[in-house]
Structure formats: structure tokens, C-alpha cells
Amino acid sequence: MAKKSAIETNERRRKLSQQMGAKRAGLKKIVNDKTLPIEERFAATLKLAEMPRNSARIRVRNRCEVTGRPRAFYRKLKMSRIALRELGSQGLVPGLVKSSW
């Protein structure tokens, strides 16, 4: 099991990135638009820098839904390889047949 604080920090980041995602995307669009004057683009850059860093989508870490493990994560199943192996051994993952001999 991962630390509760790490899981909660990640959840806070996820919520913040969802809340400010549209505003952040709008500012990035202005910054990357080469047809706009440089002053306007620079002002947008400064506004983007003022936003919380945790509102960036890149700061959110994929974590296992079962254990909270941050590594060896399967996106399709939203769990780590270890949790998948344990649940697969118990027969709780539909469509997964674990071989044993």
C-alpha cells in the first residue's frame, strides 16, 4: 500500500488540473499563436506562470486503484502488475486466465 499522503496529493492534483484545464489551455493557445503581438503573448505567459504548478496535467501520476502503487501501471486496467497478479490468481479479473502447472 502506498502512503495515504501521496495518494491524497495526487488526488488534489487531479482535481486542480480538471478545474483549471480550460483556462490553462486557453492561455497556452494564446502563447503559441504566432499571429498575435509579442506583448500579448508575453502577458499570457506571465499569467500561465502565476497559475499553480499542480494545475498542470503532467503533474498527475497514474496510480493503481487497488494499492496506490505509482509504478508498473496498466492504463487499461487502472492497476499495477502486482495487484493484477493477485486478483488474477483469485479469479476476480474477468477474461484473465492465469496458468498454473
N, C-alpha and C. Protein backbone atom coordinates (compact mmCIF):
# COMPACT_ATOMS: atom_id res chain seq x y z
N MET A 1 0.84 -1.19 0.00
CA MET A 1 0.00 0.00 0.00
C MET A 1 0.88 1.25 0.00
N ALA A 2 0.51 2.22 -0.81
CA ALA A 2 1.24 3.49 -0.86
C ALA A 2 0.85 4.36 0.33
N LYS A 3 1.67 5.38 0.59
CA LYS A 3 1.35 6.30 1.67
C LYS A 3 0.07 7.06 1.34
N LYS A 4 -0.75 7.25 2.36
CA LYS A 4 -2.02 7.97 2.17
C LYS A 4 -1.77 9.39 1.69
N SER A 5 -0.71 10.02 2.21
CA SER A 5 -0.42 11.40 1.84
C SER A 5 -0.09 11.52 0.35
N ALA A 6 0.63 10.54 -0.20
CA ALA A 6 0.98 10.56 -1.61
C ALA A 6 -0.26 10.39 -2.48
N ILE A 7 -1.16 9.51 -2.05
CA ILE A 7 -2.40 9.29 -2.80
C ILE A 7 -3.27 10.54 -2.77
N GLU A 8 -3.38 11.17 -1.59
CA GLU A 8 -4.19 12.38 -1.45
C GLU A 8 -3.60 13.55 -2.25
N THR A 9 -2.28 13.68 -2.24
CA THR A 9 -1.63 14.73 -3.02
C THR A 9 -1.95 14.56 -4.49
N ASN A 10 -1.90 13.32 -4.96
CA ASN A 10 -2.20 13.05 -6.36
C ASN A 10 -3.66 13.36 -6.68
N GLU A 11 -4.57 13.04 -5.76
CA GLU A 11 -5.99 13.35 -5.98
C GLU A 11 -6.22 14.85 -6.04
N ARG A 12 -5.53 15.60 -5.17
CA ARG A 12 -5.62 17.06 -5.18
C ARG A 12 -5.14 17.62 -6.52
N ARG A 13 -4.04 17.06 -7.02
CA ARG A 13 -3.51 17.49 -8.31
C ARG A 13 -4.49 17.18 -9.43
N ARG A 14 -5.12 16.00 -9.36
CA ARG A 14 -6.08 15.61 -10.40
C ARG A 14 -7.26 16.58 -10.43
N LYS A 15 -7.80 16.91 -9.26
CA LYS A 15 -8.94 17.84 -9.19
C LYS A 15 -8.55 19.23 -9.69
N LEU A 16 -7.37 19.70 -9.28
CA LEU A 16 -6.91 21.02 -9.67
C LEU A 16 -6.68 21.10 -11.18
N SER A 17 -6.13 20.04 -11.77
CA SER A 17 -5.88 20.04 -13.21
C SER A 17 -7.19 20.02 -13.98
N GLN A 18 -8.23 19.37 -13.45
CA GLN A 18 -9.53 19.37 -14.11
C GLN A 18 -10.20 20.73 -14.01
N GLN A 19 -10.07 21.37 -12.84
CA GLN A 19 -10.69 22.68 -12.64
C GLN A 19 -10.06 23.75 -13.53
N MET A 20 -8.76 23.76 -13.64
CA MET A 20 -8.06 24.83 -14.34
C MET A 20 -7.60 24.43 -15.73
N GLY A 21 -8.03 23.27 -16.20
CA GLY A 21 -7.58 22.79 -17.50
C GLY A 21 -7.98 23.68 -18.65
N ALA A 22 -9.22 24.18 -18.65
CA ALA A 22 -9.71 25.02 -19.75
C ALA A 22 -8.97 26.35 -19.78
N LYS A 23 -8.79 26.96 -18.62
CA LYS A 23 -8.09 28.25 -18.53
C LYS A 23 -6.65 28.10 -19.00
N ARG A 24 -6.02 27.02 -18.55
CA ARG A 24 -4.64 26.74 -18.91
C ARG A 24 -4.50 26.52 -20.42
N ALA A 25 -5.44 25.78 -21.01
CA ALA A 25 -5.41 25.52 -22.45
C ALA A 25 -5.60 26.80 -23.25
N GLY A 26 -6.49 27.67 -22.77
CA GLY A 26 -6.70 28.95 -23.45
C GLY A 26 -5.45 29.82 -23.45
N LEU A 27 -4.77 29.87 -22.30
CA LEU A 27 -3.54 30.65 -22.22
C LEU A 27 -2.44 30.06 -23.10
N LYS A 28 -2.36 28.75 -23.13
CA LYS A 28 -1.35 28.10 -23.97
C LYS A 28 -1.61 28.37 -25.45
N LYS A 29 -2.89 28.41 -25.81
CA LYS A 29 -3.25 28.68 -27.20
C LYS A 29 -2.81 30.09 -27.60
N ILE A 30 -2.98 31.06 -26.68
CA ILE A 30 -2.54 32.43 -26.94
C ILE A 30 -1.02 32.49 -27.05
N VAL A 31 -0.32 31.80 -26.15
CA VAL A 31 1.14 31.82 -26.15
C VAL A 31 1.70 31.24 -27.45
N ASN A 32 1.09 30.19 -27.97
CA ASN A 32 1.60 29.51 -29.16
C ASN A 32 1.13 30.12 -30.47
N ASP A 33 0.22 31.10 -30.42
CA ASP A 33 -0.30 31.74 -31.63
C ASP A 33 0.69 32.80 -32.12
N LYS A 34 1.38 32.53 -33.20
CA LYS A 34 2.43 33.42 -33.71
C LYS A 34 1.86 34.68 -34.38
N THR A 35 0.57 34.70 -34.69
CA THR A 35 -0.01 35.87 -35.35
C THR A 35 -0.30 37.01 -34.38
N LEU A 36 -0.39 36.70 -33.10
CA LEU A 36 -0.66 37.73 -32.09
C LEU A 36 0.60 38.54 -31.79
N PRO A 37 0.43 39.79 -31.30
CA PRO A 37 1.61 40.59 -30.95
C PRO A 37 2.38 39.97 -29.77
N ILE A 38 3.67 40.23 -29.74
CA ILE A 38 4.55 39.62 -28.74
C ILE A 38 4.18 40.03 -27.32
N GLU A 39 3.69 41.27 -27.14
CA GLU A 39 3.31 41.75 -25.80
C GLU A 39 2.16 40.93 -25.23
N GLU A 40 1.18 40.65 -26.08
CA GLU A 40 0.01 39.87 -25.65
C GLU A 40 0.41 38.43 -25.29
N ARG A 41 1.30 37.88 -26.10
CA ARG A 41 1.76 36.52 -25.85
C ARG A 41 2.58 36.45 -24.56
N PHE A 42 3.40 37.48 -24.32
CA PHE A 42 4.21 37.51 -23.10
C PHE A 42 3.33 37.67 -21.86
N ALA A 43 2.27 38.48 -21.99
CA ALA A 43 1.33 38.66 -20.87
C ALA A 43 0.65 37.33 -20.54
N ALA A 44 0.30 36.58 -21.58
CA ALA A 44 -0.31 35.26 -21.37
C ALA A 44 0.67 34.31 -20.71
N THR A 45 1.94 34.41 -21.08
CA THR A 45 2.98 33.58 -20.46
C THR A 45 3.10 33.88 -18.97
N LEU A 46 3.05 35.17 -18.62
CA LEU A 46 3.13 35.55 -17.21
C LEU A 46 1.92 35.05 -16.42
N LYS A 47 0.73 35.12 -17.03
CA LYS A 47 -0.48 34.61 -16.37
C LYS A 47 -0.38 33.10 -16.17
N LEU A 48 0.17 32.43 -17.17
CA LEU A 48 0.35 30.97 -17.08
C LEU A 48 1.34 30.62 -15.97
N ALA A 49 2.37 31.44 -15.80
CA ALA A 49 3.36 31.20 -14.76
C ALA A 49 2.79 31.45 -13.37
N GLU A 50 1.79 32.32 -13.27
CA GLU A 50 1.16 32.61 -11.97
C GLU A 50 0.25 31.50 -11.49
N MET A 51 -0.21 30.68 -12.42
CA MET A 51 -1.12 29.59 -12.05
C MET A 51 -0.36 28.55 -11.21
N PRO A 52 -1.08 27.81 -10.36
CA PRO A 52 -0.40 26.78 -9.54
C PRO A 52 0.24 25.71 -10.42
N ARG A 53 1.41 25.29 -10.03
CA ARG A 53 2.09 24.26 -10.82
C ARG A 53 1.34 22.94 -10.79
N ASN A 54 0.66 22.67 -9.69
CA ASN A 54 -0.08 21.40 -9.59
C ASN A 54 -1.31 21.38 -10.47
N SER A 55 -1.63 22.50 -11.14
CA SER A 55 -2.78 22.50 -12.03
C SER A 55 -2.40 21.97 -13.42
N ALA A 56 -1.12 21.71 -13.64
CA ALA A 56 -0.68 21.14 -14.91
C ALA A 56 -1.01 19.65 -14.94
N ARG A 57 -1.50 19.19 -16.08
CA ARG A 57 -1.91 17.79 -16.21
C ARG A 57 -0.73 16.83 -16.09
N ILE A 58 0.46 17.30 -16.44
CA ILE A 58 1.64 16.45 -16.42
C ILE A 58 2.04 16.07 -14.99
N ARG A 59 1.60 16.86 -14.00
CA ARG A 59 1.97 16.60 -12.60
C ARG A 59 1.18 15.44 -11.98
N VAL A 60 0.09 15.03 -12.63
CA VAL A 60 -0.73 13.94 -12.09
C VAL A 60 -0.05 12.62 -12.43
N ARG A 61 0.09 11.78 -11.43
CA ARG A 61 0.76 10.49 -11.60
C ARG A 61 -0.29 9.38 -11.69
N ASN A 62 -0.12 8.48 -12.64
CA ASN A 62 -1.01 7.32 -12.72
C ASN A 62 -0.71 6.39 -11.56
N ARG A 63 -1.73 6.06 -10.77
CA ARG A 63 -1.55 5.19 -9.61
C ARG A 63 -2.55 4.04 -9.67
N CYS A 64 -2.16 2.92 -9.09
CA CYS A 64 -3.02 1.74 -9.01
C CYS A 64 -4.24 2.08 -8.16
N GLU A 65 -5.43 1.70 -8.64
CA GLU A 65 -6.66 1.97 -7.90
C GLU A 65 -6.78 1.07 -6.67
N VAL A 66 -6.12 -0.07 -6.70
CA VAL A 66 -6.22 -1.03 -5.61
C VAL A 66 -5.24 -0.68 -4.48
N THR A 67 -3.97 -0.50 -4.85
CA THR A 67 -2.93 -0.31 -3.84
C THR A 67 -2.36 1.10 -3.78
N GLY A 68 -2.49 1.88 -4.85
CA GLY A 68 -1.91 3.22 -4.90
C GLY A 68 -0.49 3.22 -5.41
N ARG A 69 -0.01 2.07 -5.87
CA ARG A 69 1.38 1.96 -6.36
C ARG A 69 1.57 2.83 -7.61
N PRO A 70 2.65 3.63 -7.65
CA PRO A 70 2.83 4.54 -8.77
C PRO A 70 3.55 3.94 -9.98
N ARG A 71 4.15 2.79 -9.83
CA ARG A 71 4.92 2.21 -10.93
C ARG A 71 4.28 0.92 -11.43
N ALA A 72 4.72 0.48 -12.62
CA ALA A 72 4.21 -0.75 -13.25
C ALA A 72 2.70 -0.70 -13.34
N PHE A 73 2.19 0.36 -13.98
CA PHE A 73 0.76 0.66 -14.04
C PHE A 73 0.22 0.30 -15.41
N TYR A 74 -0.86 -0.50 -15.45
CA TYR A 74 -1.56 -0.80 -16.70
C TYR A 74 -2.70 0.19 -16.85
N ARG A 75 -2.64 1.05 -17.88
CA ARG A 75 -3.67 2.08 -18.06
C ARG A 75 -5.05 1.48 -18.32
N LYS A 76 -5.09 0.44 -19.11
CA LYS A 76 -6.37 -0.15 -19.48
C LYS A 76 -7.11 -0.71 -18.27
N LEU A 77 -6.38 -1.25 -17.32
CA LEU A 77 -6.98 -1.87 -16.14
C LEU A 77 -6.96 -0.96 -14.91
N LYS A 78 -6.19 0.12 -14.98
CA LYS A 78 -6.03 1.07 -13.88
C LYS A 78 -5.51 0.41 -12.60
N MET A 79 -4.59 -0.54 -12.79
CA MET A 79 -3.98 -1.18 -11.62
C MET A 79 -2.55 -1.59 -11.95
N SER A 80 -1.80 -1.88 -10.90
CA SER A 80 -0.40 -2.26 -11.07
C SER A 80 -0.30 -3.75 -11.41
N ARG A 81 0.88 -4.14 -11.84
CA ARG A 81 1.10 -5.54 -12.22
C ARG A 81 0.93 -6.47 -11.03
N ILE A 82 1.30 -6.00 -9.83
CA ILE A 82 1.22 -6.84 -8.64
C ILE A 82 -0.23 -7.07 -8.25
N ALA A 83 -1.03 -5.99 -8.28
CA ALA A 83 -2.46 -6.12 -7.96
C ALA A 83 -3.16 -6.99 -9.00
N LEU A 84 -2.76 -6.84 -10.27
CA LEU A 84 -3.35 -7.66 -11.34
C LEU A 84 -3.03 -9.13 -11.12
N ARG A 85 -1.82 -9.42 -10.73
CA ARG A 85 -1.42 -10.81 -10.48
C ARG A 85 -2.21 -11.42 -9.32
N GLU A 86 -2.35 -10.64 -8.23
CA GLU A 86 -3.08 -11.14 -7.06
C GLU A 86 -4.55 -11.37 -7.37
N LEU A 87 -5.18 -10.38 -8.01
CA LEU A 87 -6.61 -10.52 -8.34
C LEU A 87 -6.83 -11.58 -9.40
N GLY A 88 -5.87 -11.72 -10.33
CA GLY A 88 -5.97 -12.76 -11.36
C GLY A 88 -5.87 -14.15 -10.76
N SER A 89 -5.04 -14.32 -9.74
CA SER A 89 -4.89 -15.61 -9.08
C SER A 89 -6.17 -16.01 -8.35
N GLN A 90 -6.89 -15.00 -7.85
CA GLN A 90 -8.15 -15.26 -7.15
C GLN A 90 -9.33 -15.42 -8.11
N GLY A 91 -9.08 -15.13 -9.40
CA GLY A 91 -10.14 -15.25 -10.41
C GLY A 91 -11.10 -14.08 -10.41
N LEU A 92 -10.65 -12.90 -9.98
CA LEU A 92 -11.53 -11.74 -9.88
C LEU A 92 -11.45 -10.81 -11.10
N VAL A 93 -10.53 -11.10 -12.03
CA VAL A 93 -10.41 -10.28 -13.24
C VAL A 93 -11.10 -11.03 -14.38
N PRO A 94 -12.19 -10.47 -14.92
CA PRO A 94 -12.91 -11.17 -15.99
C PRO A 94 -12.04 -11.28 -17.25
N GLY A 95 -12.03 -12.46 -17.84
CA GLY A 95 -11.28 -12.68 -19.07
C GLY A 95 -9.82 -13.03 -18.87
N LEU A 96 -9.34 -13.02 -17.64
CA LEU A 96 -7.94 -13.34 -17.36
C LEU A 96 -7.85 -14.75 -16.83
N VAL A 97 -7.09 -15.58 -17.53
CA VAL A 97 -6.86 -16.95 -17.08
C VAL A 97 -5.39 -17.08 -16.73
N LYS A 98 -5.12 -17.33 -15.47
CA LYS A 98 -3.73 -17.44 -15.01
C LYS A 98 -3.33 -18.92 -15.05
N SER A 99 -2.24 -19.18 -15.73
CA SER A 99 -1.81 -20.57 -15.86
C SER A 99 -1.07 -21.01 -14.60
N SER A 100 -1.27 -22.26 -14.26
CA SER A 100 -0.53 -22.86 -13.15
C SER A 100 -0.33 -24.33 -13.47
N TRP A 101 0.86 -24.81 -13.25
CA TRP A 101 1.14 -26.23 -13.55
C TRP A 101 2.06 -26.83 -12.53
